[in-house]
Amino acid sequence: MTETHEIRLKRLAMRSMRRGIKEMDIILMRFCDARLQQMDAARLDIYEQLLAENDQDLYQWVSGQRPAPEEFHDIVAEIRKVCVPG
């Protein structure tokens, strides 16, 4: 059985708010609220791959402490634009 688009969005939203680091829960839920509904399937694939990454790495990429890998550069930049002040 394949997953519907709506179920996929709900699953990704749940994965976004159930992270290991509270800061990432907050950042990713803000991003989901702002952008998840508008993403096409290809963009959701990238976001889902990003969610599989380690929270400590993700936080450093989003906070600008370290550059994100090339495959995540665009989505991390979008997350920063939407969710990170300053």
PDB file of N, CA and C in Angstrom:
ATOM      1  N   MET A   1       0.848  -1.179   0.000  1.00  0.00           N
ATOM      2  CA  MET A   1       0.000   0.000   0.000  1.00  0.00           C
ATOM      3  C   MET A   1       0.899   1.250   0.000  1.00  0.00           C
ATOM      4  N   THR A   2       0.580   2.195  -0.837  1.00  0.00           N
ATOM      5  CA  THR A   2       1.374   3.417  -0.889  1.00  0.00           C
ATOM      6  C   THR A   2       0.761   4.484   0.011  1.00  0.00           C
ATOM      7  N   GLU A   3       1.599   5.359   0.416  1.00  0.00           N
ATOM      8  CA  GLU A   3       1.232   6.434   1.328  1.00  0.00           C
ATOM      9  C   GLU A   3       0.611   7.597   0.541  1.00  0.00           C
ATOM     10  N   THR A   4      -0.479   8.134   1.031  1.00  0.00           N
ATOM     11  CA  THR A   4      -1.070   9.300   0.380  1.00  0.00           C
ATOM     12  C   THR A   4      -0.234  10.539   0.699  1.00  0.00           C
ATOM     13  N   HIS A   5      -0.420  11.576  -0.100  1.00  0.00           N
ATOM     14  CA  HIS A   5       0.305  12.835   0.120  1.00  0.00           C
ATOM     15  C   HIS A   5      -0.007  13.399   1.507  1.00  0.00           C
ATOM     16  N   GLU A   6      -1.261  13.365   1.888  1.00  0.00           N
ATOM     17  CA  GLU A   6      -1.670  13.894   3.200  1.00  0.00           C
ATOM     18  C   GLU A   6      -1.018  13.126   4.343  1.00  0.00           C
ATOM     19  N   ILE A   7      -0.990  11.816   4.249  1.00  0.00           N
ATOM     20  CA  ILE A   7      -0.364  10.992   5.293  1.00  0.00           C
ATOM     21  C   ILE A   7       1.143  11.270   5.343  1.00  0.00           C
ATOM     22  N   ARG A   8       1.755  11.451   4.177  1.00  0.00           N
ATOM     23  CA  ARG A   8       3.180  11.755   4.153  1.00  0.00           C
ATOM     24  C   ARG A   8       3.464  13.075   4.860  1.00  0.00           C
ATOM     25  N   LEU A   9       2.656  14.081   4.597  1.00  0.00           N
ATOM     26  CA  LEU A   9       2.833  15.375   5.259  1.00  0.00           C
ATOM     27  C   LEU A   9       2.707  15.233   6.770  1.00  0.00           C
ATOM     28  N   LYS A  10       1.736  14.480   7.219  1.00  0.00           N
ATOM     29  CA  LYS A  10       1.557  14.273   8.662  1.00  0.00           C
ATOM     30  C   LYS A  10       2.745  13.530   9.271  1.00  0.00           C
ATOM     31  N   ARG A  11       3.239  12.527   8.554  1.00  0.00           N
ATOM     32  CA  ARG A  11       4.383  11.761   9.048  1.00  0.00           C
ATOM     33  C   ARG A  11       5.626  12.649   9.142  1.00  0.00           C
ATOM     34  N   LEU A  12       5.866  13.453   8.116  1.00  0.00           N
ATOM     35  CA  LEU A  12       7.033  14.339   8.138  1.00  0.00           C
ATOM     36  C   LEU A  12       6.900  15.408   9.214  1.00  0.00           C
ATOM     37  N   ALA A  13       5.703  15.911   9.423  1.00  0.00           N
ATOM     38  CA  ALA A  13       5.491  16.886  10.498  1.00  0.00           C
ATOM     39  C   ALA A  13       5.781  16.243  11.857  1.00  0.00           C
ATOM     40  N   MET A  14       5.338  15.024  12.042  1.00  0.00           N
ATOM     41  CA  MET A  14       5.592  14.317  13.307  1.00  0.00           C
ATOM     42  C   MET A  14       7.088  14.078  13.498  1.00  0.00           C
ATOM     43  N   ARG A  15       7.783  13.663  12.451  1.00  0.00           N
ATOM     44  CA  ARG A  15       9.239  13.454  12.547  1.00  0.00           C
ATOM     45  C   ARG A  15       9.966  14.763  12.821  1.00  0.00           C
ATOM     46  N   SER A  16       9.408  15.861  12.351  1.00  0.00           N
ATOM     47  CA  SER A  16      10.029  17.170  12.554  1.00  0.00           C
ATOM     48  C   SER A  16       9.935  17.621  14.002  1.00  0.00           C
ATOM     49  N   MET A  17       8.868  17.246  14.681  1.00  0.00           N
ATOM     50  CA  MET A  17       8.698  17.729  16.050  1.00  0.00           C
ATOM     51  C   MET A  17       9.141  16.721  17.098  1.00  0.00           C
ATOM     52  N   ARG A  18       9.544  15.555  16.684  1.00  0.00           N
ATOM     53  CA  ARG A  18      10.019  14.527  17.625  1.00  0.00           C
ATOM     54  C   ARG A  18      11.492  14.255  17.386  1.00  0.00           C
ATOM     55  N   ARG A  19      12.294  15.266  17.553  1.00  0.00           N
ATOM     56  CA  ARG A  19      13.727  15.173  17.333  1.00  0.00           C
ATOM     57  C   ARG A  19      14.424  14.869  18.663  1.00  0.00           C
ATOM     58  N   GLY A  20      15.735  14.881  18.672  1.00  0.00           N
ATOM     59  CA  GLY A  20      16.475  14.652  19.907  1.00  0.00           C
ATOM     60  C   GLY A  20      16.808  15.944  20.625  1.00  0.00           C
ATOM     61  N   ILE A  21      16.816  17.047  19.893  1.00  0.00           N
ATOM     62  CA  ILE A  21      17.178  18.342  20.460  1.00  0.00           C
ATOM     63  C   ILE A  21      15.966  19.261  20.376  1.00  0.00           C
ATOM     64  N   LYS A  22      15.574  19.822  21.506  1.00  0.00           N
ATOM     65  CA  LYS A  22      14.385  20.672  21.563  1.00  0.00           C
ATOM     66  C   LYS A  22      14.451  21.839  20.573  1.00  0.00           C
ATOM     67  N   GLU A  23      15.636  22.424  20.415  1.00  0.00           N
ATOM     68  CA  GLU A  23      15.800  23.532  19.478  1.00  0.00           C
ATOM     69  C   GLU A  23      15.429  23.114  18.057  1.00  0.00           C
ATOM     70  N   MET A  24      15.815  21.888  17.672  1.00  0.00           N
ATOM     71  CA  MET A  24      15.476  21.407  16.331  1.00  0.00           C
ATOM     72  C   MET A  24      13.985  21.119  16.219  1.00  0.00           C
ATOM     73  N   ASP A  25      13.362  20.643  17.305  1.00  0.00           N
ATOM     74  CA  ASP A  25      11.904  20.472  17.300  1.00  0.00           C
ATOM     75  C   ASP A  25      11.229  21.790  16.938  1.00  0.00           C
ATOM     76  N   ILE A  26      11.640  22.843  17.607  1.00  0.00           N
ATOM     77  CA  ILE A  26      11.029  24.159  17.415  1.00  0.00           C
ATOM     78  C   ILE A  26      11.295  24.685  16.005  1.00  0.00           C
ATOM     79  N   ILE A  27      12.541  24.627  15.577  1.00  0.00           N
ATOM     80  CA  ILE A  27      12.905  25.139  14.254  1.00  0.00           C
ATOM     81  C   ILE A  27      12.173  24.377  13.157  1.00  0.00           C
ATOM     82  N   LEU A  28      12.209  23.062  13.217  1.00  0.00           N
ATOM     83  CA  LEU A  28      11.609  22.275  12.150  1.00  0.00           C
ATOM     84  C   LEU A  28      10.084  22.339  12.154  1.00  0.00           C
ATOM     85  N   MET A  29       9.477  22.485  13.315  1.00  0.00           N
ATOM     86  CA  MET A  29       8.014  22.636  13.330  1.00  0.00           C
ATOM     87  C   MET A  29       7.608  23.989  12.746  1.00  0.00           C
ATOM     88  N   ARG A  30       8.368  25.029  13.021  1.00  0.00           N
ATOM     89  CA  ARG A  30       8.086  26.323  12.387  1.00  0.00           C
ATOM     90  C   ARG A  30       8.203  26.215  10.879  1.00  0.00           C
ATOM     91  N   PHE A  31       9.243  25.518  10.437  1.00  0.00           N
ATOM     92  CA  PHE A  31       9.434  25.329   9.002  1.00  0.00           C
ATOM     93  C   PHE A  31       8.271  24.538   8.406  1.00  0.00           C
ATOM     94  N   CYS A  32       7.873  23.473   9.063  1.00  0.00           N
ATOM     95  CA  CYS A  32       6.739  22.671   8.578  1.00  0.00           C
ATOM     96  C   CYS A  32       5.477  23.516   8.469  1.00  0.00           C
ATOM     97  N   ASP A  33       5.200  24.276   9.504  1.00  0.00           N
ATOM     98  CA  ASP A  33       4.001  25.121   9.493  1.00  0.00           C
ATOM     99  C   ASP A  33       4.030  26.119   8.341  1.00  0.00           C
ATOM    100  N   ALA A  34       5.214  26.629   8.029  1.00  0.00           N
ATOM    101  CA  ALA A  34       5.340  27.656   6.996  1.00  0.00           C
ATOM    102  C   ALA A  34       5.414  27.086   5.581  1.00  0.00           C
ATOM    103  N   ARG A  35       6.016  25.909   5.399  1.00  0.00           N
ATOM    104  CA  ARG A  35       6.354  25.481   4.041  1.00  0.00           C
ATOM    105  C   ARG A  35       5.941  24.073   3.622  1.00  0.00           C
ATOM    106  N   LEU A  36       5.680  23.185   4.546  1.00  0.00           N
ATOM    107  CA  LEU A  36       5.483  21.780   4.187  1.00  0.00           C
ATOM    108  C   LEU A  36       4.357  21.588   3.178  1.00  0.00           C
ATOM    109  N   GLN A  37       3.243  22.259   3.361  1.00  0.00           N
ATOM    110  CA  GLN A  37       2.083  22.091   2.479  1.00  0.00           C
ATOM    111  C   GLN A  37       2.378  22.479   1.031  1.00  0.00           C
ATOM    112  N   GLN A  38       3.294  23.409   0.827  1.00  0.00           N
ATOM    113  CA  GLN A  38       3.580  23.900  -0.516  1.00  0.00           C
ATOM    114  C   GLN A  38       4.646  23.085  -1.251  1.00  0.00           C
ATOM    115  N   MET A  39       5.283  22.159  -0.574  1.00  0.00           N
ATOM    116  CA  MET A  39       6.371  21.398  -1.193  1.00  0.00           C
ATOM    117  C   MET A  39       5.845  20.347  -2.158  1.00  0.00           C
ATOM    118  N   ASP A  40       6.548  20.213  -3.289  1.00  0.00           N
ATOM    119  CA  ASP A  40       6.216  19.137  -4.220  1.00  0.00           C
ATOM    120  C   ASP A  40       6.912  17.850  -3.761  1.00  0.00           C
ATOM    121  N   ALA A  41       6.650  16.762  -4.463  1.00  0.00           N
ATOM    122  CA  ALA A  41       7.175  15.456  -4.054  1.00  0.00           C
ATOM    123  C   ALA A  41       8.705  15.432  -4.017  1.00  0.00           C
ATOM    124  N   ALA A  42       9.346  16.060  -4.985  1.00  0.00           N
ATOM    125  CA  ALA A  42      10.814  16.066  -5.016  1.00  0.00           C
ATOM    126  C   ALA A  42      11.381  16.813  -3.815  1.00  0.00           C
ATOM    127  N   ARG A  43      10.765  17.942  -3.471  1.00  0.00           N
ATOM    128  CA  ARG A  43      11.237  18.727  -2.320  1.00  0.00           C
ATOM    129  C   ARG A  43      10.981  17.964  -1.023  1.00  0.00           C
ATOM    130  N   LEU A  44       9.866  17.259  -0.937  1.00  0.00           N
ATOM    131  CA  LEU A  44       9.578  16.434   0.237  1.00  0.00           C
ATOM    132  C   LEU A  44      10.598  15.308   0.374  1.00  0.00           C
ATOM    133  N   ASP A  45      11.042  14.758  -0.757  1.00  0.00           N
ATOM    134  CA  ASP A  45      12.081  13.716  -0.709  1.00  0.00           C
ATOM    135  C   ASP A  45      13.355  14.253  -0.063  1.00  0.00           C
ATOM    136  N   ILE A  46      13.760  15.457  -0.470  1.00  0.00           N
ATOM    137  CA  ILE A  46      14.964  16.070   0.100  1.00  0.00           C
ATOM    138  C   ILE A  46      14.773  16.351   1.581  1.00  0.00           C
ATOM    139  N   TYR A  47      13.600  16.882   1.942  1.00  0.00           N
ATOM    140  CA  TYR A  47      13.330  17.176   3.347  1.00  0.00           C
ATOM    141  C   TYR A  47      13.353  15.890   4.176  1.00  0.00           C
ATOM    142  N   GLU A  48      12.784  14.829   3.631  1.00  0.00           N
ATOM    143  CA  GLU A  48      12.782  13.554   4.353  1.00  0.00           C
ATOM    144  C   GLU A  48      14.204  13.029   4.545  1.00  0.00           C
ATOM    145  N   GLN A  49      15.057  13.179   3.548  1.00  0.00           N
ATOM    146  CA  GLN A  49      16.455  12.786   3.685  1.00  0.00           C
ATOM    147  C   GLN A  49      17.149  13.629   4.753  1.00  0.00           C
ATOM    148  N   LEU A  50      16.833  14.915   4.785  1.00  0.00           N
ATOM    149  CA  LEU A  50      17.398  15.794   5.799  1.00  0.00           C
ATOM    150  C   LEU A  50      16.999  15.341   7.202  1.00  0.00           C
ATOM    151  N   LEU A  51      15.752  14.930   7.364  1.00  0.00           N
ATOM    152  CA  LEU A  51      15.278  14.482   8.673  1.00  0.00           C
ATOM    153  C   LEU A  51      15.989  13.222   9.162  1.00  0.00           C
ATOM    154  N   ALA A  52      16.594  12.477   8.252  1.00  0.00           N
ATOM    155  CA  ALA A  52      17.327  11.269   8.638  1.00  0.00           C
ATOM    156  C   ALA A  52      18.714  11.596   9.189  1.00  0.00           C
ATOM    157  N   GLU A  53      19.131  12.840   9.053  1.00  0.00           N
ATOM    158  CA  GLU A  53      20.453  13.247   9.531  1.00  0.00           C
ATOM    159  C   GLU A  53      20.461  13.430  11.050  1.00  0.00           C
ATOM    160  N   ASN A  54      21.648  13.376  11.611  1.00  0.00           N
ATOM    161  CA  ASN A  54      21.864  13.549  13.038  1.00  0.00           C
ATOM    162  C   ASN A  54      21.475  14.965  13.482  1.00  0.00           C
ATOM    163  N   ASP A  55      20.804  15.078  14.604  1.00  0.00           N
ATOM    164  CA  ASP A  55      20.357  16.384  15.108  1.00  0.00           C
ATOM    165  C   ASP A  55      21.496  17.360  15.370  1.00  0.00           C
ATOM    166  N   GLN A  56      22.599  16.869  15.895  1.00  0.00           N
ATOM    167  CA  GLN A  56      23.718  17.763  16.180  1.00  0.00           C
ATOM    168  C   GLN A  56      24.261  18.372  14.889  1.00  0.00           C
ATOM    169  N   ASP A  57      24.367  17.563  13.851  1.00  0.00           N
ATOM    170  CA  ASP A  57      24.810  18.072  12.548  1.00  0.00           C
ATOM    171  C   ASP A  57      23.789  19.056  11.988  1.00  0.00           C
ATOM    172  N   LEU A  58      22.537  18.662  12.033  1.00  0.00           N
ATOM    173  CA  LEU A  58      21.464  19.522  11.523  1.00  0.00           C
ATOM    174  C   LEU A  58      21.463  20.886  12.207  1.00  0.00           C
ATOM    175  N   TYR A  59      21.608  20.886  13.511  1.00  0.00           N
ATOM    176  CA  TYR A  59      21.621  22.151  14.245  1.00  0.00           C
ATOM    177  C   TYR A  59      22.796  23.029  13.815  1.00  0.00           C
ATOM    178  N   GLN A  60      23.953  22.426  13.644  1.00  0.00           N
ATOM    179  CA  GLN A  60      25.115  23.204  13.218  1.00  0.00           C
ATOM    180  C   GLN A  60      24.921  23.770  11.809  1.00  0.00           C
ATOM    181  N   TRP A  61      24.286  23.020  10.929  1.00  0.00           N
ATOM    182  CA  TRP A  61      24.030  23.523   9.570  1.00  0.00           C
ATOM    183  C   TRP A  61      23.032  24.674   9.599  1.00  0.00           C
ATOM    184  N   VAL A  62      21.946  24.473  10.323  1.00  0.00           N
ATOM    185  CA  VAL A  62      20.882  25.490  10.364  1.00  0.00           C
ATOM    186  C   VAL A  62      21.353  26.750  11.085  1.00  0.00           C
ATOM    187  N   SER A  63      22.155  26.586  12.117  1.00  0.00           N
ATOM    188  CA  SER A  63      22.632  27.742  12.875  1.00  0.00           C
ATOM    189  C   SER A  63      23.809  28.439  12.203  1.00  0.00           C
ATOM    190  N   GLY A  64      24.343  27.845  11.147  1.00  0.00           N
ATOM    191  CA  GLY A  64      25.454  28.454  10.426  1.00  0.00           C
ATOM    192  C   GLY A  64      26.821  28.161  11.025  1.00  0.00           C
ATOM    193  N   GLN A  65      26.885  27.265  11.993  1.00  0.00           N
ATOM    194  CA  GLN A  65      28.166  26.906  12.600  1.00  0.00           C
ATOM    195  C   GLN A  65      29.041  26.103  11.645  1.00  0.00           C
ATOM    196  N   ARG A  66      28.394  25.328  10.785  1.00  0.00           N
ATOM    197  CA  ARG A  66      29.086  24.537   9.764  1.00  0.00           C
ATOM    198  C   ARG A  66      28.264  24.568   8.489  1.00  0.00           C
ATOM    199  N   PRO A  67      28.901  24.498   7.340  1.00  0.00           N
ATOM    200  CA  PRO A  67      28.132  24.478   6.092  1.00  0.00           C
ATOM    201  C   PRO A  67      27.417  23.139   5.920  1.00  0.00           C
ATOM    202  N   ALA A  68      26.238  23.204   5.341  1.00  0.00           N
ATOM    203  CA  ALA A  68      25.483  21.982   5.059  1.00  0.00           C
ATOM    204  C   ALA A  68      26.094  21.273   3.861  1.00  0.00           C
ATOM    205  N   PRO A  69      25.971  19.958   3.797  1.00  0.00           N
ATOM    206  CA  PRO A  69      26.410  19.242   2.603  1.00  0.00           C
ATOM    207  C   PRO A  69      25.665  19.773   1.370  1.00  0.00           C
ATOM    208  N   GLU A  70      26.276  19.638   0.227  1.00  0.00           N
ATOM    209  CA  GLU A  70      25.723  20.187  -1.019  1.00  0.00           C
ATOM    210  C   GLU A  70      24.271  19.772  -1.256  1.00  0.00           C
ATOM    211  N   GLU A  71      23.943  18.505  -0.996  1.00  0.00           N
ATOM    212  CA  GLU A  71      22.587  18.017  -1.278  1.00  0.00           C
ATOM    213  C   GLU A  71      21.528  18.679  -0.398  1.00  0.00           C
ATOM    214  N   PHE A  72      21.952  19.270   0.732  1.00  0.00           N
ATOM    215  CA  PHE A  72      21.014  19.917   1.643  1.00  0.00           C
ATOM    216  C   PHE A  72      21.161  21.434   1.683  1.00  0.00           C
ATOM    217  N   HIS A  73      22.071  21.959   0.901  1.00  0.00           N
ATOM    218  CA  HIS A  73      22.356  23.398   0.965  1.00  0.00           C
ATOM    219  C   HIS A  73      21.098  24.246   0.786  1.00  0.00           C
ATOM    220  N   ASP A  74      20.307  23.984  -0.243  1.00  0.00           N
ATOM    221  CA  ASP A  74      19.132  24.811  -0.534  1.00  0.00           C
ATOM    222  C   ASP A  74      18.063  24.710   0.546  1.00  0.00           C
ATOM    223  N   ILE A  75      17.780  23.498   0.997  1.00  0.00           N
ATOM    224  CA  ILE A  75      16.716  23.348   1.993  1.00  0.00           C
ATOM    225  C   ILE A  75      17.146  23.911   3.343  1.00  0.00           C
ATOM    226  N   VAL A  76      18.418  23.770   3.692  1.00  0.00           N
ATOM    227  CA  VAL A  76      18.907  24.353   4.943  1.00  0.00           C
ATOM    228  C   VAL A  76      18.841  25.879   4.856  1.00  0.00           C
ATOM    229  N   ALA A  77      19.182  26.441   3.712  1.00  0.00           N
ATOM    230  CA  ALA A  77      19.076  27.892   3.536  1.00  0.00           C
ATOM    231  C   ALA A  77      17.626  28.351   3.676  1.00  0.00           C
ATOM    232  N   GLU A  78      16.710  27.574   3.168  1.00  0.00           N
ATOM    233  CA  GLU A  78      15.288  27.913   3.298  1.00  0.00           C
ATOM    234  C   GLU A  78      14.833  27.822   4.753  1.00  0.00           C
ATOM    235  N   ILE A  79      15.273  26.810   5.464  1.00  0.00           N
ATOM    236  CA  ILE A  79      14.934  26.670   6.877  1.00  0.00           C
ATOM    237  C   ILE A  79      15.461  27.875   7.655  1.00  0.00           C
ATOM    238  N   ARG A  80      16.712  28.244   7.381  1.00  0.00           N
ATOM    239  CA  ARG A  80      17.303  29.395   8.062  1.00  0.00           C
ATOM    240  C   ARG A  80      16.499  30.660   7.778  1.00  0.00           C
ATOM    241  N   LYS A  81      16.123  30.845   6.534  1.00  0.00           N
ATOM    242  CA  LYS A  81      15.375  32.050   6.147  1.00  0.00           C
ATOM    243  C   LYS A  81      14.037  32.125   6.876  1.00  0.00           C
ATOM    244  N   VAL A  82      13.362  31.000   7.003  1.00  0.00           N
ATOM    245  CA  VAL A  82      12.048  30.949   7.619  1.00  0.00           C
ATOM    246  C   VAL A  82      12.111  30.969   9.137  1.00  0.00           C
ATOM    247  N   CYS A  83      13.118  30.320   9.720  1.00  0.00           N
ATOM    248  CA  CYS A  83      13.060  30.011  11.153  1.00  0.00           C
ATOM    249  C   CYS A  83      14.129  30.614  12.040  1.00  0.00           C
ATOM    250  N   VAL A  84      15.226  31.052  11.475  1.00  0.00           N
ATOM    251  CA  VAL A  84      16.325  31.514  12.324  1.00  0.00           C
ATOM    252  C   VAL A  84      16.380  33.046  12.295  1.00  0.00           C
ATOM    253  N   PRO A  85      16.189  33.693  13.431  1.00  0.00           N
ATOM    254  CA  PRO A  85      16.213  35.150  13.451  1.00  0.00           C
ATOM    255  C   PRO A  85      17.599  35.701  13.127  1.00  0.00           C
ATOM    256  N   GLY A  86      17.578  36.892  12.562  1.00  0.00           N
ATOM    257  CA  GLY A  86      18.827  37.607  12.307  1.00  0.00           C
ATOM    258  C   GLY A  86      19.438  37.190  11.057  1.00  0.00           C
TER     259      GLY A  86
END
